[in-house]
Amino acid sequence: MMTRADWVLVAIALCTLPVLYLHFWTPQEPATELRVQIAGAAATTAPLTPDRRMQVTGHMGESTIEIRAGQARFLNSPCAGKVCVHSGWLREAGELAACLPNRISIQLLGSRPRFDAINF
């Protein structure tokens, strides 16, 4: 049987959940820069304007990164699974895509990133 303290705890949890949901899962600000990290080299940043394609050479070969309308994605990469290509467009600050076989990662930067860690 639940005591009065148990009911108070359940009520606090039910009131807290919507606040946490709104804080952590609503869209954040759009990104302003793209960070490209290649293993063994210093990270470089680039603005998300103008629209263009960047060729980045990694461990396995050349990857193509497309920047369009304030978004970025892996357009092509020499890896077998193409997980990086299938990750799609990155739109919000904090989002990240990586081509692990080619040792290249891209991340969108802004003043308030959406995530403080990567979760799968």
PDB file of N, CA and C in Angstrom:
ATOM      1  N   MET A   1       0.841  -1.176   0.000  1.00  0.00           N
ATOM      2  CA  MET A   1       0.000   0.000   0.000  1.00  0.00           C
ATOM      3  C   MET A   1       0.887   1.240   0.000  1.00  0.00           C
ATOM      4  N   MET A   2       0.478   2.245  -0.744  1.00  0.00           N
ATOM      5  CA  MET A   2       1.275   3.471  -0.840  1.00  0.00           C
ATOM      6  C   MET A   2       0.936   4.418   0.298  1.00  0.00           C
ATOM      7  N   THR A   3       1.969   4.999   0.864  1.00  0.00           N
ATOM      8  CA  THR A   3       1.786   5.966   1.940  1.00  0.00           C
ATOM      9  C   THR A   3       1.616   7.363   1.341  1.00  0.00           C
ATOM     10  N   ARG A   4       1.320   8.297   2.198  1.00  0.00           N
ATOM     11  CA  ARG A   4       1.162   9.686   1.764  1.00  0.00           C
ATOM     12  C   ARG A   4       2.460  10.216   1.146  1.00  0.00           C
ATOM     13  N   ALA A   5       3.603   9.840   1.708  1.00  0.00           N
ATOM     14  CA  ALA A   5       4.903  10.264   1.169  1.00  0.00           C
ATOM     15  C   ALA A   5       5.124   9.687  -0.229  1.00  0.00           C
ATOM     16  N   ASP A   6       4.674   8.457  -0.463  1.00  0.00           N
ATOM     17  CA  ASP A   6       4.790   7.866  -1.803  1.00  0.00           C
ATOM     18  C   ASP A   6       3.974   8.655  -2.818  1.00  0.00           C
ATOM     19  N   TRP A   7       2.764   9.055  -2.445  1.00  0.00           N
ATOM     20  CA  TRP A   7       1.909   9.831  -3.353  1.00  0.00           C
ATOM     21  C   TRP A   7       2.523  11.200  -3.660  1.00  0.00           C
ATOM     22  N   VAL A   8       3.128  11.810  -2.657  1.00  0.00           N
ATOM     23  CA  VAL A   8       3.790  13.099  -2.879  1.00  0.00           C
ATOM     24  C   VAL A   8       4.957  12.930  -3.844  1.00  0.00           C
ATOM     25  N   LEU A   9       5.728  11.884  -3.671  1.00  0.00           N
ATOM     26  CA  LEU A   9       6.856  11.620  -4.563  1.00  0.00           C
ATOM     27  C   LEU A   9       6.391  11.376  -6.001  1.00  0.00           C
ATOM     28  N   VAL A  10       5.321  10.619  -6.176  1.00  0.00           N
ATOM     29  CA  VAL A  10       4.764  10.373  -7.516  1.00  0.00           C
ATOM     30  C   VAL A  10       4.270  11.683  -8.124  1.00  0.00           C
ATOM     31  N   ALA A  11       3.620  12.515  -7.350  1.00  0.00           N
ATOM     32  CA  ALA A  11       3.130  13.799  -7.856  1.00  0.00           C
ATOM     33  C   ALA A  11       4.281  14.706  -8.284  1.00  0.00           C
ATOM     34  N   ILE A  12       5.340  14.737  -7.507  1.00  0.00           N
ATOM     35  CA  ILE A  12       6.515  15.552  -7.871  1.00  0.00           C
ATOM     36  C   ILE A  12       7.131  15.039  -9.161  1.00  0.00           C
ATOM     37  N   ALA A  13       7.247  13.717  -9.291  1.00  0.00           N
ATOM     38  CA  ALA A  13       7.813  13.137 -10.513  1.00  0.00           C
ATOM     39  C   ALA A  13       6.949  13.472 -11.723  1.00  0.00           C
ATOM     40  N   LEU A  14       5.631  13.371 -11.602  1.00  0.00           N
ATOM     41  CA  LEU A  14       4.744  13.670 -12.727  1.00  0.00           C
ATOM     42  C   LEU A  14       4.786  15.146 -13.119  1.00  0.00           C
ATOM     43  N   CYS A  15       4.996  16.016 -12.163  1.00  0.00           N
ATOM     44  CA  CYS A  15       5.109  17.446 -12.477  1.00  0.00           C
ATOM     45  C   CYS A  15       6.464  17.785 -13.085  1.00  0.00           C
ATOM     46  N   THR A  16       7.485  17.044 -12.719  1.00  0.00           N
ATOM     47  CA  THR A  16       8.838  17.318 -13.194  1.00  0.00           C
ATOM     48  C   THR A  16       9.074  16.796 -14.613  1.00  0.00           C
ATOM     49  N   LEU A  17       8.460  15.700 -14.985  1.00  0.00           N
ATOM     50  CA  LEU A  17       8.704  15.094 -16.293  1.00  0.00           C
ATOM     51  C   LEU A  17       8.414  16.024 -17.471  1.00  0.00           C
ATOM     52  N   PRO A  18       7.290  16.731 -17.527  1.00  0.00           N
ATOM     53  CA  PRO A  18       7.079  17.635 -18.676  1.00  0.00           C
ATOM     54  C   PRO A  18       8.120  18.756 -18.756  1.00  0.00           C
ATOM     55  N   VAL A  19       8.548  19.255 -17.615  1.00  0.00           N
ATOM     56  CA  VAL A  19       9.572  20.307 -17.612  1.00  0.00           C
ATOM     57  C   VAL A  19      10.883  19.770 -18.175  1.00  0.00           C
ATOM     58  N   LEU A  20      11.280  18.572 -17.739  1.00  0.00           N
ATOM     59  CA  LEU A  20      12.508  17.970 -18.254  1.00  0.00           C
ATOM     60  C   LEU A  20      12.398  17.687 -19.749  1.00  0.00           C
ATOM     61  N   TYR A  21      11.249  17.204 -20.187  1.00  0.00           N
ATOM     62  CA  TYR A  21      11.046  16.936 -21.611  1.00  0.00           C
ATOM     63  C   TYR A  21      11.210  18.214 -22.425  1.00  0.00           C
ATOM     64  N   LEU A  22      10.561  19.272 -22.019  1.00  0.00           N
ATOM     65  CA  LEU A  22      10.660  20.539 -22.755  1.00  0.00           C
ATOM     66  C   LEU A  22      12.083  21.076 -22.759  1.00  0.00           C
ATOM     67  N   HIS A  23      12.786  20.912 -21.659  1.00  0.00           N
ATOM     68  CA  HIS A  23      14.145  21.447 -21.569  1.00  0.00           C
ATOM     69  C   HIS A  23      15.129  20.680 -22.443  1.00  0.00           C
ATOM     70  N   PHE A  24      15.045  19.351 -22.449  1.00  0.00           N
ATOM     71  CA  PHE A  24      16.057  18.551 -23.129  1.00  0.00           C
ATOM     72  C   PHE A  24      15.686  18.113 -24.541  1.00  0.00           C
ATOM     73  N   TRP A  25      14.420  18.097 -24.914  1.00  0.00           N
ATOM     74  CA  TRP A  25      14.049  17.510 -26.208  1.00  0.00           C
ATOM     75  C   TRP A  25      13.388  18.471 -27.173  1.00  0.00           C
ATOM     76  N   THR A  26      13.211  19.710 -26.822  1.00  0.00           N
ATOM     77  CA  THR A  26      12.695  20.662 -27.801  1.00  0.00           C
ATOM     78  C   THR A  26      13.852  21.164 -28.651  1.00  0.00           C
ATOM     79  N   PRO A  27      13.583  21.541 -29.882  1.00  0.00           N
ATOM     80  CA  PRO A  27      14.670  22.004 -30.752  1.00  0.00           C
ATOM     81  C   PRO A  27      15.390  23.211 -30.163  1.00  0.00           C
ATOM     82  N   GLN A  28      16.681  23.200 -30.328  1.00  0.00           N
ATOM     83  CA  GLN A  28      17.507  24.302 -29.871  1.00  0.00           C
ATOM     84  C   GLN A  28      17.778  25.247 -31.040  1.00  0.00           C
ATOM     85  N   GLU A  29      18.709  26.133 -30.852  1.00  0.00           N
ATOM     86  CA  GLU A  29      19.037  27.106 -31.883  1.00  0.00           C
ATOM     87  C   GLU A  29      19.718  26.451 -33.083  1.00  0.00           C
ATOM     88  N   PRO A  30      19.592  27.046 -34.245  1.00  0.00           N
ATOM     89  CA  PRO A  30      20.293  26.505 -35.414  1.00  0.00           C
ATOM     90  C   PRO A  30      21.806  26.694 -35.259  1.00  0.00           C
ATOM     91  N   ALA A  31      22.529  25.870 -35.957  1.00  0.00           N
ATOM     92  CA  ALA A  31      23.988  25.925 -35.892  1.00  0.00           C
ATOM     93  C   ALA A  31      24.517  27.078 -36.739  1.00  0.00           C
ATOM     94  N   THR A  32      25.739  27.511 -36.427  1.00  0.00           N
ATOM     95  CA  THR A  32      26.364  28.594 -37.182  1.00  0.00           C
ATOM     96  C   THR A  32      27.665  28.164 -37.848  1.00  0.00           C
ATOM     97  N   GLU A  33      28.311  27.109 -37.317  1.00  0.00           N
ATOM     98  CA  GLU A  33      29.595  26.666 -37.856  1.00  0.00           C
ATOM     99  C   GLU A  33      29.648  25.149 -37.932  1.00  0.00           C
ATOM    100  N   LEU A  34      30.556  24.682 -38.769  1.00  0.00           N
ATOM    101  CA  LEU A  34      30.820  23.262 -38.921  1.00  0.00           C
ATOM    102  C   LEU A  34      32.246  22.986 -38.477  1.00  0.00           C
ATOM    103  N   ARG A  35      32.422  21.995 -37.601  1.00  0.00           N
ATOM    104  CA  ARG A  35      33.757  21.561 -37.189  1.00  0.00           C
ATOM    105  C   ARG A  35      34.056  20.237 -37.878  1.00  0.00           C
ATOM    106  N   VAL A  36      35.181  20.173 -38.574  1.00  0.00           N
ATOM    107  CA  VAL A  36      35.625  18.956 -39.238  1.00  0.00           C
ATOM    108  C   VAL A  36      36.855  18.460 -38.502  1.00  0.00           C
ATOM    109  N   GLN A  37      36.776  17.227 -38.021  1.00  0.00           N
ATOM    110  CA  GLN A  37      37.887  16.625 -37.283  1.00  0.00           C
ATOM    111  C   GLN A  37      38.391  15.411 -38.052  1.00  0.00           C
ATOM    112  N   ILE A  38      39.675  15.416 -38.358  1.00  0.00           N
ATOM    113  CA  ILE A  38      40.335  14.283 -39.004  1.00  0.00           C
ATOM    114  C   ILE A  38      41.337  13.739 -37.999  1.00  0.00           C
ATOM    115  N   ALA A  39      41.331  12.421 -37.810  1.00  0.00           N
ATOM    116  CA  ALA A  39      42.228  11.809 -36.824  1.00  0.00           C
ATOM    117  C   ALA A  39      43.673  12.193 -37.103  1.00  0.00           C
ATOM    118  N   GLY A  40      44.359  12.616 -36.070  1.00  0.00           N
ATOM    119  CA  GLY A  40      45.760  12.978 -36.192  1.00  0.00           C
ATOM    120  C   GLY A  40      45.996  14.407 -36.646  1.00  0.00           C
ATOM    121  N   ALA A  41      44.947  15.185 -36.835  1.00  0.00           N
ATOM    122  CA  ALA A  41      45.095  16.576 -37.290  1.00  0.00           C
ATOM    123  C   ALA A  41      44.240  17.481 -36.406  1.00  0.00           C
ATOM    124  N   ALA A  42      44.562  18.744 -36.406  1.00  0.00           N
ATOM    125  CA  ALA A  42      43.780  19.716 -35.649  1.00  0.00           C
ATOM    126  C   ALA A  42      42.422  19.912 -36.314  1.00  0.00           C
ATOM    127  N   ALA A  43      41.402  20.132 -35.510  1.00  0.00           N
ATOM    128  CA  ALA A  43      40.058  20.365 -36.033  1.00  0.00           C
ATOM    129  C   ALA A  43      40.007  21.707 -36.754  1.00  0.00           C
ATOM    130  N   THR A  44      39.222  21.760 -37.821  1.00  0.00           N
ATOM    131  CA  THR A  44      39.014  23.014 -38.546  1.00  0.00           C
ATOM    132  C   THR A  44      37.538  23.371 -38.481  1.00  0.00           C
ATOM    133  N   THR A  45      37.256  24.662 -38.493  1.00  0.00           N
ATOM    134  CA  THR A  45      35.870  25.116 -38.502  1.00  0.00           C
ATOM    135  C   THR A  45      35.607  25.909 -39.765  1.00  0.00           C
ATOM    136  N   ALA A  46      34.353  25.863 -40.191  1.00  0.00           N
ATOM    137  CA  ALA A  46      33.936  26.585 -41.394  1.00  0.00           C
ATOM    138  C   ALA A  46      32.518  27.098 -41.173  1.00  0.00           C
ATOM    139  N   PRO A  47      32.190  28.276 -41.695  1.00  0.00           N
ATOM    140  CA  PRO A  47      30.820  28.771 -41.560  1.00  0.00           C
ATOM    141  C   PRO A  47      29.858  27.931 -42.398  1.00  0.00           C
ATOM    142  N   LEU A  48      28.587  27.952 -42.037  1.00  0.00           N
ATOM    143  CA  LEU A  48      27.576  27.190 -42.768  1.00  0.00           C
ATOM    144  C   LEU A  48      26.975  27.965 -43.935  1.00  0.00           C
ATOM    145  N   THR A  49      27.598  29.060 -44.293  1.00  0.00           N
ATOM    146  CA  THR A  49      27.234  29.796 -45.502  1.00  0.00           C
ATOM    147  C   THR A  49      28.523  30.171 -46.199  1.00  0.00           C
ATOM    148  N   PRO A  50      28.620  30.211 -47.457  1.00  0.00           N
ATOM    149  CA  PRO A  50      27.632  29.912 -48.488  1.00  0.00           C
ATOM    150  C   PRO A  50      27.532  28.407 -48.731  1.00  0.00           C
ATOM    151  N   ASP A  51      26.552  28.004 -49.553  1.00  0.00           N
ATOM    152  CA  ASP A  51      26.394  26.600 -49.921  1.00  0.00           C
ATOM    153  C   ASP A  51      27.606  26.139 -50.726  1.00  0.00           C
ATOM    154  N   ARG A  52      28.102  24.945 -50.382  1.00  0.00           N
ATOM    155  CA  ARG A  52      29.274  24.427 -51.086  1.00  0.00           C
ATOM    156  C   ARG A  52      29.489  22.961 -50.738  1.00  0.00           C
ATOM    157  N   ARG A  53      30.456  22.364 -51.409  1.00  0.00           N
ATOM    158  CA  ARG A  53      30.897  21.007 -51.104  1.00  0.00           C
ATOM    159  C   ARG A  53      32.377  21.065 -50.745  1.00  0.00           C
ATOM    160  N   MET A  54      32.751  20.295 -49.721  1.00  0.00           N
ATOM    161  CA  MET A  54      34.135  20.257 -49.259  1.00  0.00           C
ATOM    162  C   MET A  54      34.668  18.844 -49.464  1.00  0.00           C
ATOM    163  N   GLN A  55      35.878  18.744 -49.949  1.00  0.00           N
ATOM    164  CA  GLN A  55      36.557  17.461 -50.076  1.00  0.00           C
ATOM    165  C   GLN A  55      37.529  17.337 -48.901  1.00  0.00           C
ATOM    166  N   VAL A  56      37.392  16.253 -48.138  1.00  0.00           N
ATOM    167  CA  VAL A  56      38.223  16.033 -46.961  1.00  0.00           C
ATOM    168  C   VAL A  56      38.889  14.667 -47.110  1.00  0.00           C
ATOM    169  N   THR A  57      40.206  14.633 -46.979  1.00  0.00           N
ATOM    170  CA  THR A  57      40.942  13.380 -47.128  1.00  0.00           C
ATOM    171  C   THR A  57      41.196  12.752 -45.774  1.00  0.00           C
ATOM    172  N   GLY A  58      40.752  11.502 -45.628  1.00  0.00           N
ATOM    173  CA  GLY A  58      40.932  10.752 -44.390  1.00  0.00           C
ATOM    174  C   GLY A  58      41.827   9.554 -44.602  1.00  0.00           C
ATOM    175  N   HIS A  59      41.742   8.596 -43.698  1.00  0.00           N
ATOM    176  CA  HIS A  59      42.589   7.398 -43.703  1.00  0.00           C
ATOM    177  C   HIS A  59      42.345   6.524 -44.942  1.00  0.00           C
ATOM    178  N   MET A  60      41.103   6.407 -45.384  1.00  0.00           N
ATOM    179  CA  MET A  60      40.761   5.530 -46.508  1.00  0.00           C
ATOM    180  C   MET A  60      40.686   6.250 -47.851  1.00  0.00           C
ATOM    181  N   GLY A  61      40.563   7.564 -47.811  1.00  0.00           N
ATOM    182  CA  GLY A  61      40.415   8.307 -49.055  1.00  0.00           C
ATOM    183  C   GLY A  61      39.658   9.597 -48.833  1.00  0.00           C
ATOM    184  N   GLU A  62      38.982  10.052 -49.868  1.00  0.00           N
ATOM    185  CA  GLU A  62      38.343  11.363 -49.844  1.00  0.00           C
ATOM    186  C   GLU A  62      36.850  11.256 -49.542  1.00  0.00           C
ATOM    187  N   SER A  63      36.396  12.041 -48.575  1.00  0.00           N
ATOM    188  CA  SER A  63      34.979  12.163 -48.240  1.00  0.00           C
ATOM    189  C   SER A  63      34.486  13.515 -48.720  1.00  0.00           C
ATOM    190  N   THR A  64      33.228  13.550 -49.151  1.00  0.00           N
ATOM    191  CA  THR A  64      32.613  14.797 -49.599  1.00  0.00           C
ATOM    192  C   THR A  64      31.592  15.233 -48.562  1.00  0.00           C
ATOM    193  N   ILE A  65      31.724  16.472 -48.100  1.00  0.00           N
ATOM    194  CA  ILE A  65      30.793  17.054 -47.139  1.00  0.00           C
ATOM    195  C   ILE A  65      30.049  18.168 -47.849  1.00  0.00           C
ATOM    196  N   GLU A  66      28.723  18.124 -47.786  1.00  0.00           N
ATOM    197  CA  GLU A  66      27.902  19.143 -48.444  1.00  0.00           C
ATOM    198  C   GLU A  66      27.334  20.078 -47.390  1.00  0.00           C
ATOM    199  N   ILE A  67      27.431  21.373 -47.667  1.00  0.00           N
ATOM    200  CA  ILE A  67      26.849  22.403 -46.806  1.00  0.00           C
ATOM    201  C   ILE A  67      25.800  23.129 -47.643  1.00  0.00           C
ATOM    202  N   ARG A  68      24.537  23.122 -47.142  1.00  0.00           N
ATOM    203  CA  ARG A  68      23.469  23.793 -47.882  1.00  0.00           C
ATOM    204  C   ARG A  68      22.405  24.291 -46.905  1.00  0.00           C
ATOM    205  N   ALA A  69      22.026  25.537 -47.035  1.00  0.00           N
ATOM    206  CA  ALA A  69      20.949  26.151 -46.252  1.00  0.00           C
ATOM    207  C   ALA A  69      21.166  26.013 -44.745  1.00  0.00           C
ATOM    208  N   GLY A  70      22.405  26.205 -44.293  1.00  0.00           N
ATOM    209  CA  GLY A  70      22.696  26.134 -42.875  1.00  0.00           C
ATOM    210  C   GLY A  70      22.731  24.729 -42.309  1.00  0.00           C
ATOM    211  N   GLN A  71      22.832  23.733 -43.172  1.00  0.00           N
ATOM    212  CA  GLN A  71      22.885  22.329 -42.774  1.00  0.00           C
ATOM    213  C   GLN A  71      24.141  21.701 -43.356  1.00  0.00           C
ATOM    214  N   ALA A  72      24.516  20.546 -42.842  1.00  0.00           N
ATOM    215  CA  ALA A  72      25.683  19.843 -43.370  1.00  0.00           C
ATOM    216  C   ALA A  72      25.420  18.345 -43.343  1.00  0.00           C
ATOM    217  N   ARG A  73      26.093  17.616 -44.255  1.00  0.00           N
ATOM    218  CA  ARG A  73      25.980  16.161 -44.291  1.00  0.00           C
ATOM    219  C   ARG A  73      27.166  15.569 -45.026  1.00  0.00           C
ATOM    220  N   PHE A  74      27.403  14.274 -44.798  1.00  0.00           N
ATOM    221  CA  PHE A  74      28.341  13.522 -45.619  1.00  0.00           C
ATOM    222  C   PHE A  74      27.604  13.183 -46.908  1.00  0.00           C
ATOM    223  N   LEU A  75      28.103  13.639 -48.023  1.00  0.00           N
ATOM    224  CA  LEU A  75      27.489  13.327 -49.307  1.00  0.00           C
ATOM    225  C   LEU A  75      28.027  12.014 -49.856  1.00  0.00           C
ATOM    226  N   ASN A  76      29.321  11.776 -49.663  1.00  0.00           N
ATOM    227  CA  ASN A  76      29.951  10.562 -50.155  1.00  0.00           C
ATOM    228  C   ASN A  76      31.178  10.270 -49.292  1.00  0.00           C
ATOM    229  N   SER A  77      31.488   8.979 -49.145  1.00  0.00           N
ATOM    230  CA  SER A  77      32.660   8.574 -48.384  1.00  0.00           C
ATOM    231  C   SER A  77      33.107   7.206 -48.871  1.00  0.00           C
ATOM    232  N   PRO A  78      34.395   6.884 -48.765  1.00  0.00           N
ATOM    233  CA  PRO A  78      34.898   5.624 -49.291  1.00  0.00           C
ATOM    234  C   PRO A  78      34.648   4.407 -48.391  1.00  0.00           C
ATOM    235  N   CYS A  79      33.999   4.580 -47.258  1.00  0.00           N
ATOM    236  CA  CYS A  79      33.774   3.465 -46.340  1.00  0.00           C
ATOM    237  C   CYS A  79      32.747   2.486 -46.900  1.00  0.00           C
ATOM    238  N   ALA A  80      32.735   1.280 -46.360  1.00  0.00           N
ATOM    239  CA  ALA A  80      31.873   0.225 -46.892  1.00  0.00           C
ATOM    240  C   ALA A  80      30.408   0.405 -46.478  1.00  0.00           C
ATOM    241  N   GLY A  81      30.134   0.660 -45.216  1.00  0.00           N
ATOM    242  CA  GLY A  81      28.759   0.709 -44.736  1.00  0.00           C
ATOM    243  C   GLY A  81      28.011   1.993 -45.046  1.00  0.00           C
ATOM    244  N   LYS A  82      28.727   3.066 -45.287  1.00  0.00           N
ATOM    245  CA  LYS A  82      28.134   4.383 -45.566  1.00  0.00           C
ATOM    246  C   LYS A  82      27.182   4.863 -44.460  1.00  0.00           C
ATOM    247  N   VAL A  83      27.469   4.490 -43.211  1.00  0.00           N
ATOM    248  CA  VAL A  83      26.645   4.941 -42.095  1.00  0.00           C
ATOM    249  C   VAL A  83      26.670   6.463 -42.000  1.00  0.00           C
ATOM    250  N   CYS A  84      27.823   7.050 -42.260  1.00  0.00           N
ATOM    251  CA  CYS A  84      27.950   8.512 -42.202  1.00  0.00           C
ATOM    252  C   CYS A  84      27.043   9.178 -43.239  1.00  0.00           C
ATOM    253  N   VAL A  85      26.959   8.621 -44.423  1.00  0.00           N
ATOM    254  CA  VAL A  85      26.115   9.178 -45.486  1.00  0.00           C
ATOM    255  C   VAL A  85      24.648   9.022 -45.113  1.00  0.00           C
ATOM    256  N   HIS A  86      24.286   7.873 -44.535  1.00  0.00           N
ATOM    257  CA  HIS A  86      22.894   7.604 -44.171  1.00  0.00           C
ATOM    258  C   HIS A  86      22.445   8.376 -42.933  1.00  0.00           C
ATOM    259  N   SER A  87      23.369   8.996 -42.227  1.00  0.00           N
ATOM    260  CA  SER A  87      22.967   9.780 -41.053  1.00  0.00           C
ATOM    261  C   SER A  87      22.210  11.035 -41.456  1.00  0.00           C
ATOM    262  N   GLY A  88      22.342  11.467 -42.703  1.00  0.00           N
ATOM    263  CA  GLY A  88      21.528  12.574 -43.215  1.00  0.00           C
ATOM    264  C   GLY A  88      22.032  13.951 -42.827  1.00  0.00           C
ATOM    265  N   TRP A  89      21.111  14.899 -42.936  1.00  0.00           N
ATOM    266  CA  TRP A  89      21.440  16.306 -42.687  1.00  0.00           C
ATOM    267  C   TRP A  89      21.551  16.580 -41.198  1.00  0.00           C
ATOM    268  N   LEU A  90      22.567  17.326 -40.824  1.00  0.00           N
ATOM    269  CA  LEU A  90      22.729  17.841 -39.465  1.00  0.00           C
ATOM    270  C   LEU A  90      22.214  19.268 -39.482  1.00  0.00           C
ATOM    271  N   ARG A  91      21.312  19.596 -38.558  1.00  0.00           N
ATOM    272  CA  ARG A  91      20.660  20.907 -38.598  1.00  0.00           C
ATOM    273  C   ARG A  91      20.900  21.766 -37.365  1.00  0.00           C
ATOM    274  N   GLU A  92      20.973  21.133 -36.196  1.00  0.00           N
ATOM    275  CA  GLU A  92      21.031  21.889 -34.950  1.00  0.00           C
ATOM    276  C   GLU A  92      22.399  21.790 -34.301  1.00  0.00           C
ATOM    277  N   ALA A  93      22.727  22.815 -33.532  1.00  0.00           N
ATOM    278  CA  ALA A  93      24.011  22.836 -32.825  1.00  0.00           C
ATOM    279  C   ALA A  93      24.140  21.607 -31.939  1.00  0.00           C
ATOM    280  N   GLY A  94      25.302  20.973 -31.991  1.00  0.00           N
ATOM    281  CA  GLY A  94      25.568  19.797 -31.189  1.00  0.00           C
ATOM    282  C   GLY A  94      25.445  18.488 -31.938  1.00  0.00           C
ATOM    283  N   GLU A  95      24.783  18.478 -33.097  1.00  0.00           N
ATOM    284  CA  GLU A  95      24.639  17.239 -33.850  1.00  0.00           C
ATOM    285  C   GLU A  95      25.974  16.844 -34.472  1.00  0.00           C
ATOM    286  N   LEU A  96      26.176  15.530 -34.613  1.00  0.00           N
ATOM    287  CA  LEU A  96      27.451  15.007 -35.058  1.00  0.00           C
ATOM    288  C   LEU A  96      27.237  13.809 -35.977  1.00  0.00           C
ATOM    289  N   ALA A  97      28.088  13.679 -36.976  1.00  0.00           N
ATOM    290  CA  ALA A  97      28.141  12.486 -37.828  1.00  0.00           C
ATOM    291  C   ALA A  97      29.608  12.128 -37.991  1.00  0.00           C
ATOM    292  N   ALA A  98      29.883  10.817 -38.078  1.00  0.00           N
ATOM    293  CA  ALA A  98      31.272  10.379 -38.167  1.00  0.00           C
ATOM    294  C   ALA A  98      31.406   9.241 -39.160  1.00  0.00           C
ATOM    295  N   CYS A  99      32.499   9.268 -39.903  1.00  0.00           N
ATOM    296  CA  CYS A  99      32.895   8.153 -40.748  1.00  0.00           C
ATOM    297  C   CYS A  99      34.081   7.513 -40.030  1.00  0.00           C
ATOM    298  N   LEU A 100      33.795   6.511 -39.212  1.00  0.00           N
ATOM    299  CA  LEU A 100      34.841   5.919 -38.385  1.00  0.00           C
ATOM    300  C   LEU A 100      35.921   5.209 -39.198  1.00  0.00           C
ATOM    301  N   PRO A 101      35.574   4.454 -40.261  1.00  0.00           N
ATOM    302  CA  PRO A 101      36.644   3.825 -41.039  1.00  0.00           C
ATOM    303  C   PRO A 101      37.591   4.848 -41.678  1.00  0.00           C
ATOM    304  N   ASN A 102      37.038   5.995 -42.087  1.00  0.00           N
ATOM    305  CA  ASN A 102      37.855   7.026 -42.719  1.00  0.00           C
ATOM    306  C   ASN A 102      38.419   8.013 -41.696  1.00  0.00           C
ATOM    307  N   ARG A 103      38.023   7.863 -40.431  1.00  0.00           N
ATOM    308  CA  ARG A 103      38.507   8.674 -39.316  1.00  0.00           C
ATOM    309  C   ARG A 103      38.218  10.170 -39.485  1.00  0.00           C
ATOM    310  N   ILE A 104      36.990  10.469 -39.915  1.00  0.00           N
ATOM    311  CA  ILE A 104      36.545  11.856 -40.080  1.00  0.00           C
ATOM    312  C   ILE A 104      35.234  12.033 -39.326  1.00  0.00           C
ATOM    313  N   SER A 105      35.097  13.146 -38.609  1.00  0.00           N
ATOM    314  CA  SER A 105      33.822  13.478 -37.985  1.00  0.00           C
ATOM    315  C   SER A 105      33.481  14.933 -38.277  1.00  0.00           C
ATOM    316  N   ILE A 106      32.178  15.192 -38.343  1.00  0.00           N
ATOM    317  CA  ILE A 106      31.707  16.569 -38.510  1.00  0.00           C
ATOM    318  C   ILE A 106      30.715  16.853 -37.398  1.00  0.00           C
ATOM    319  N   GLN A 107      30.747  18.081 -36.897  1.00  0.00           N
ATOM    320  CA  GLN A 107      29.855  18.485 -35.820  1.00  0.00           C
ATOM    321  C   GLN A 107      29.419  19.919 -36.057  1.00  0.00           C
ATOM    322  N   LEU A 108      28.146  20.188 -35.816  1.00  0.00           N
ATOM    323  CA  LEU A 108      27.646  21.548 -35.930  1.00  0.00           C
ATOM    324  C   LEU A 108      27.828  22.269 -34.599  1.00  0.00           C
ATOM    325  N   LEU A 109      28.257  23.510 -34.683  1.00  0.00           N
ATOM    326  CA  LEU A 109      28.528  24.318 -33.492  1.00  0.00           C
ATOM    327  C   LEU A 109      27.570  25.492 -33.414  1.00  0.00           C
ATOM    328  N   GLY A 110      27.270  25.901 -32.223  1.00  0.00           N
ATOM    329  CA  GLY A 110      26.448  27.076 -31.960  1.00  0.00           C
ATOM    330  C   GLY A 110      26.702  27.504 -30.525  1.00  0.00           C
ATOM    331  N   SER A 111      26.013  28.521 -30.071  1.00  0.00           N
ATOM    332  CA  SER A 111      26.257  28.994 -28.711  1.00  0.00           C
ATOM    333  C   SER A 111      25.623  28.079 -27.665  1.00  0.00           C
ATOM    334  N   ARG A 112      24.557  27.355 -28.022  1.00  0.00           N
ATOM    335  CA  ARG A 112      23.918  26.423 -27.090  1.00  0.00           C
ATOM    336  C   ARG A 112      23.685  25.091 -27.790  1.00  0.00           C
ATOM    337  N   PRO A 113      24.593  24.131 -27.660  1.00  0.00           N
ATOM    338  CA  PRO A 113      24.400  22.840 -28.320  1.00  0.00           C
ATOM    339  C   PRO A 113      23.243  22.052 -27.717  1.00  0.00           C
ATOM    340  N   ARG A 114      22.648  21.217 -28.530  1.00  0.00           N
ATOM    341  CA  ARG A 114      21.491  20.439 -28.103  1.00  0.00           C
ATOM    342  C   ARG A 114      21.877  19.338 -27.118  1.00  0.00           C
ATOM    343  N   PHE A 115      22.993  18.667 -27.331  1.00  0.00           N
ATOM    344  CA  PHE A 115      23.403  17.555 -26.482  1.00  0.00           C
ATOM    345  C   PHE A 115      24.725  17.897 -25.789  1.00  0.00           C
ATOM    346  N   ASP A 116      24.911  17.331 -24.611  1.00  0.00           N
ATOM    347  CA  ASP A 116      26.214  17.447 -23.973  1.00  0.00           C
ATOM    348  C   ASP A 116      26.983  16.139 -24.099  1.00  0.00           C
ATOM    349  N   ALA A 117      26.344  15.119 -24.652  1.00  0.00           N
ATOM    350  CA  ALA A 117      26.991  13.831 -24.917  1.00  0.00           C
ATOM    351  C   ALA A 117      26.258  13.174 -26.070  1.00  0.00           C
ATOM    352  N   ILE A 118      26.882  12.212 -26.680  1.00  0.00           N
ATOM    353  CA  ILE A 118      26.263  11.512 -27.797  1.00  0.00           C
ATOM    354  C   ILE A 118      25.627  10.235 -27.270  1.00  0.00           C
ATOM    355  N   ASN A 119      24.372  10.029 -27.603  1.00  0.00           N
ATOM    356  CA  ASN A 119      23.623   8.841 -27.157  1.00  0.00           C
ATOM    357  C   ASN A 119      23.094   8.105 -28.368  1.00  0.00           C
ATOM    358  N   PHE A 120      23.213   6.789 -28.352  1.00  0.00           N
ATOM    359  CA  PHE A 120      22.664   5.977 -29.426  1.00  0.00           C
ATOM    360  C   PHE A 120      21.724   4.955 -28.829  1.00  0.00           C
TER     361      PHE A 120
END
